[in-house]
Structure formats: C-alpha cells, structure tokens
Amino acid sequence: MQRISRSLRSIYPITDDSMEQLCAIARAMELPRRHLLIEKGLRCGHVYFIERGLSRSFCHIGSAELSSWFSAEGDITFAMNELYHDIAGFESVELLEDSLLYAIAIPEFNQLIEQNIEFCNWSRLIHQEHILRVQQARIDQISLSTEARYRKFVREQPELLQRIKLGHLASYLGMTAQNLSRLRASI
C-alpha cells in the first residue's frame, strides 16, 4: 500500500499505527481492465483504494455514458449514495487499466473514520478538496470554451492524457469525441 500511504499522508499526517489499522481491514484485489467495479443501481458495499491502475466514474444519461471523475494511484473510489446514504448509487465505476485495489467494507470504513481522528481529519480534507474540484469543474463547464477546458486538463492532469480514451476524456470535458479530436489536431 505504498502509493496509497503516500497519497493519504500528502493530505493529512497519518501515523504508522493508523495505517496499520487501515491495512487490517483492507482486502487486496487484482482486477482486469474493463471490470465494472461499481454498477449503477446496485450496492457494492465497499470503498476502494487504488494502489495501481486507473478508473473512471460515469453516469448513464439516455444512451450516453458521461464520465464524471477519474481516479488513479493513491485515490479512493466509491458509490457516493451508498457511502453517504446507505442506498444504491447512481454512478458506475469502470477500471480503465489492470488494477491492484484495496477494498474496505463500508461499515468498517465508517467505523475507522468515527474512531480514528487521523482518518476523520483525512476524510474531511479529501472531501473538502473534491467538493472544490467538482465546483470548479462546474464553473469551468459554464464559463470556459471547450478549448480552454481541454488546455486546463492538459496543464493540470498531463499524466492522465495517455491513459484515458479520447471518448472518455471528451465526455468528461463536455464535448463530443469528434470535437475533441478536431481540437487536438488544431492545437
């Protein structure tokens, strides 16, 4: 859990004792690319920390899949409704690469957060940062041109460009794959 540990500690100073508590409730899983980790409308019962690999969160809108988030090494991914409200989620999570994950049952994860001040503080900080990122993405969607959104993604997350399919990136940026392809060709 080296990448996960580094990522957690970059957000909040988690001690070795607390990391041992996390490791004690985490179950390692190696899963292949294209595996549907979380499926809309179904309960999975776990949060997942990514040690190796990449996932995308997405929603079905009509016949389209709209990517809403990408999670890479050191990140956590889960169904928000299930974690926060104990009901089946509205999003799906697909692995984009062969991945090594650590699964933690939601009740155990919540108990860790309730009983360990370090993980409680980490949880507060990571949720705070993600809320700000979602808010900024929404503001960007209504205030920036498609080219500006693409350039911002390239500037802020260049490591993901080679790992994400063009169609997934286009839906995340709020454009068609054809528009993104033309945009990339013109830059």
Protein backbone atom coordinates (compact mmCIF):
# COMPACT_ATOMS: atom_id res chain seq x y z
CA MET A 1 0.00 0.00 0.00
CA GLN A 2 2.93 2.32 -0.64
CA ARG A 3 1.21 4.68 -3.11
CA ILE A 4 -1.94 4.76 -1.03
CA SER A 5 0.06 5.55 2.11
CA ARG A 6 1.94 8.37 0.35
CA SER A 7 -1.29 9.78 -1.01
CA LEU A 8 -3.06 9.66 2.35
CA ARG A 9 -0.10 11.27 4.08
CA SER A 10 0.09 14.02 1.45
CA ILE A 11 -3.38 15.09 2.62
CA TYR A 12 -3.02 14.51 6.37
CA PRO A 13 -0.15 13.16 8.54
CA ILE A 14 -1.38 9.59 9.11
CA THR A 15 0.80 7.68 11.61
CA ASP A 16 2.12 4.17 11.08
CA ASP A 17 -0.28 2.89 13.76
CA SER A 18 -3.26 4.33 11.91
CA MET A 19 -2.01 2.93 8.60
CA GLU A 20 -1.83 -0.48 10.26
CA GLN A 21 -5.50 -0.09 11.26
CA LEU A 22 -6.38 0.65 7.63
CA CYS A 23 -4.33 -2.29 6.34
CA ALA A 24 -6.02 -4.61 8.84
CA ILE A 25 -9.45 -4.02 7.27
CA ALA A 26 -8.35 -3.77 3.62
CA ARG A 27 -8.53 -6.71 1.21
CA ALA A 28 -6.23 -6.72 -1.84
CA MET A 29 -7.88 -7.33 -5.22
CA GLU A 30 -6.27 -7.59 -8.64
CA LEU A 31 -8.87 -6.90 -11.30
CA PRO A 32 -8.64 -6.59 -15.08
CA ARG A 33 -9.17 -3.61 -17.31
CA ARG A 34 -12.85 -3.06 -18.18
CA HIS A 35 -14.03 -4.63 -14.91
CA LEU A 36 -17.16 -2.86 -13.67
CA LEU A 37 -16.22 -2.19 -10.05
CA ILE A 38 -19.45 -0.39 -9.17
CA GLU A 39 -22.68 -0.65 -11.15
CA LYS A 40 -25.41 1.98 -11.14
CA GLY A 41 -28.40 0.93 -9.04
CA LEU A 42 -26.58 -1.93 -7.32
CA ARG A 43 -24.91 -1.91 -3.94
CA CYS A 44 -21.27 -2.98 -3.85
CA GLY A 45 -20.67 -2.49 -0.13
CA HIS A 46 -17.09 -1.25 -0.40
CA VAL A 47 -14.81 1.72 -0.89
CA TYR A 48 -11.71 1.07 -2.97
CA PHE A 49 -8.21 2.49 -2.68
CA ILE A 50 -6.17 2.27 -5.88
CA GLU A 51 -2.57 1.14 -5.49
CA ARG A 52 -2.05 0.54 -9.22
CA GLY A 53 -4.36 1.35 -12.09
CA LEU A 54 -6.99 3.82 -13.20
CA SER A 55 -10.77 4.03 -13.00
CA ARG A 56 -13.47 6.31 -14.28
CA SER A 57 -16.76 7.18 -12.66
CA PHE A 58 -19.61 7.70 -15.07
CA CYS A 59 -23.37 8.11 -15.31
CA HIS A 60 -25.77 6.98 -17.99
CA ILE A 61 -27.71 9.88 -19.49
CA GLY A 62 -30.03 8.45 -22.10
CA SER A 63 -27.85 6.19 -24.22
CA ALA A 64 -24.65 8.10 -23.42
CA GLU A 65 -22.06 7.40 -20.75
CA LEU A 66 -20.83 10.67 -19.24
CA SER A 67 -17.52 10.46 -17.40
CA SER A 68 -17.58 12.46 -14.18
CA TRP A 69 -14.29 11.57 -12.48
CA PHE A 70 -11.02 9.72 -12.94
CA SER A 71 -9.24 8.02 -10.04
CA ALA A 72 -5.62 6.89 -10.25
CA GLU A 73 -2.92 5.53 -7.97
CA GLY A 74 -3.38 6.65 -4.38
CA ASP A 75 -7.01 7.68 -4.91
CA ILE A 76 -10.18 6.33 -3.39
CA THR A 77 -13.31 5.50 -5.40
CA PHE A 78 -16.80 4.58 -4.23
CA ALA A 79 -20.52 4.99 -4.87
CA MET A 80 -21.43 8.26 -3.18
CA ASN A 81 -25.04 7.40 -2.35
CA GLU A 82 -24.01 4.10 -0.83
CA LEU A 83 -21.26 5.60 1.34
CA TYR A 84 -23.20 8.69 2.41
CA HIS A 85 -26.82 7.47 2.47
CA ASP A 86 -26.66 3.65 2.54
CA ILE A 87 -28.57 3.31 -0.74
CA ALA A 88 -27.59 2.08 -4.20
CA GLY A 89 -25.54 4.58 -6.20
CA PHE A 90 -26.41 6.50 -9.35
CA GLU A 91 -22.97 6.12 -10.90
CA SER A 92 -20.83 3.30 -12.17
CA VAL A 93 -17.08 2.84 -11.85
CA GLU A 94 -15.09 1.00 -14.51
CA LEU A 95 -11.43 0.06 -14.39
CA LEU A 96 -9.54 1.54 -17.35
CA GLU A 97 -6.40 -0.48 -16.65
CA ASP A 98 -5.48 -3.73 -14.93
CA SER A 99 -5.56 -2.65 -11.30
CA LEU A 100 -4.45 -3.52 -7.79
CA LEU A 101 -7.08 -2.25 -5.37
CA TYR A 102 -7.71 -2.48 -1.65
CA ALA A 103 -11.37 -2.97 -0.80
CA ILE A 104 -12.78 -1.97 2.57
CA ALA A 105 -16.34 -2.75 3.61
CA ILE A 106 -18.28 0.49 4.09
CA PRO A 107 -19.28 -0.26 7.72
CA GLU A 108 -15.62 -0.90 8.62
CA PHE A 109 -14.50 2.21 6.75
CA ASN A 110 -17.09 4.35 8.56
CA GLN A 111 -16.08 2.85 11.89
CA LEU A 112 -12.43 3.69 11.19
CA ILE A 113 -13.36 7.28 10.39
CA GLU A 114 -15.53 7.55 13.53
CA GLN A 115 -12.91 6.08 15.86
CA ASN A 116 -9.63 7.39 14.44
CA ILE A 117 -9.13 11.17 14.50
CA GLU A 118 -6.42 10.98 11.83
CA PHE A 119 -8.72 9.27 9.34
CA CYS A 120 -11.57 11.55 10.38
CA ASN A 121 -9.43 14.58 9.53
CA TRP A 122 -8.15 12.97 6.33
CA SER A 123 -11.73 12.25 5.27
CA ARG A 124 -12.81 15.82 5.96
CA LEU A 125 -9.90 17.24 3.98
CA ILE A 126 -10.22 14.92 0.99
CA HIS A 127 -13.96 15.53 0.73
CA GLN A 128 -13.40 19.27 1.03
CA GLU A 129 -10.87 19.21 -1.82
CA HIS A 130 -13.08 17.07 -4.03
CA ILE A 131 -16.08 19.32 -3.46
CA LEU A 132 -13.95 22.28 -4.54
CA ARG A 133 -12.79 20.36 -7.66
CA VAL A 134 -16.38 19.48 -8.58
CA GLN A 135 -17.47 23.09 -8.07
CA GLN A 136 -14.58 24.36 -10.20
CA ALA A 137 -15.38 21.83 -12.92
CA ARG A 138 -18.99 23.05 -12.97
CA ILE A 139 -17.85 26.68 -13.19
CA ASP A 140 -15.41 25.75 -15.98
CA GLN A 141 -18.22 23.96 -17.84
CA ILE A 142 -20.32 27.11 -17.99
CA SER A 143 -17.60 29.73 -18.28
CA LEU A 144 -14.75 28.27 -20.38
CA SER A 145 -14.67 27.35 -24.04
CA THR A 146 -14.08 23.72 -24.98
CA GLU A 147 -10.52 24.60 -25.96
CA ALA A 148 -9.88 26.29 -22.62
CA ARG A 149 -11.28 23.27 -20.72
CA TYR A 150 -9.06 20.92 -22.72
CA ARG A 151 -5.95 23.09 -22.19
CA LYS A 152 -6.69 23.27 -18.46
CA PHE A 153 -6.98 19.47 -18.25
CA VAL A 154 -3.68 19.08 -20.13
CA ARG A 155 -2.00 21.58 -17.80
CA GLU A 156 -3.42 20.16 -14.55
CA GLN A 157 -3.51 16.40 -15.30
CA PRO A 158 -0.99 15.66 -18.07
CA GLU A 159 -0.21 12.21 -16.64
CA LEU A 160 -3.74 11.04 -17.47
CA LEU A 161 -3.75 12.07 -21.14
CA GLN A 162 -2.06 8.90 -22.40
CA ARG A 163 -4.12 6.67 -20.11
CA ILE A 164 -7.67 7.83 -20.93
CA LYS A 165 -9.58 7.00 -24.11
CA LEU A 166 -10.48 10.01 -26.22
CA GLY A 167 -14.22 9.36 -25.83
CA HIS A 168 -13.99 9.22 -22.03
CA LEU A 169 -12.00 12.44 -21.90
CA ALA A 170 -14.41 14.15 -24.30
CA SER A 171 -17.44 13.26 -22.18
CA TYR A 172 -15.62 14.45 -19.04
CA LEU A 173 -14.87 17.78 -20.74
CA GLY A 174 -18.44 18.11 -22.04
CA MET A 175 -17.85 17.68 -25.78
CA THR A 176 -18.08 15.01 -28.44
CA ALA A 177 -15.12 12.81 -29.31
CA GLN A 178 -15.14 14.31 -32.81
CA ASN A 179 -14.92 17.85 -31.42
CA LEU A 180 -12.08 16.85 -29.11
CA SER A 181 -10.24 15.16 -31.97
CA ARG A 182 -10.55 18.29 -34.15
CA LEU A 183 -9.48 20.47 -31.23
CA ARG A 184 -6.40 18.37 -30.53
CA ALA A 185 -5.45 18.44 -34.22
CA SER A 186 -5.71 22.23 -34.35
CA ILE A 187 -3.54 22.84 -31.27
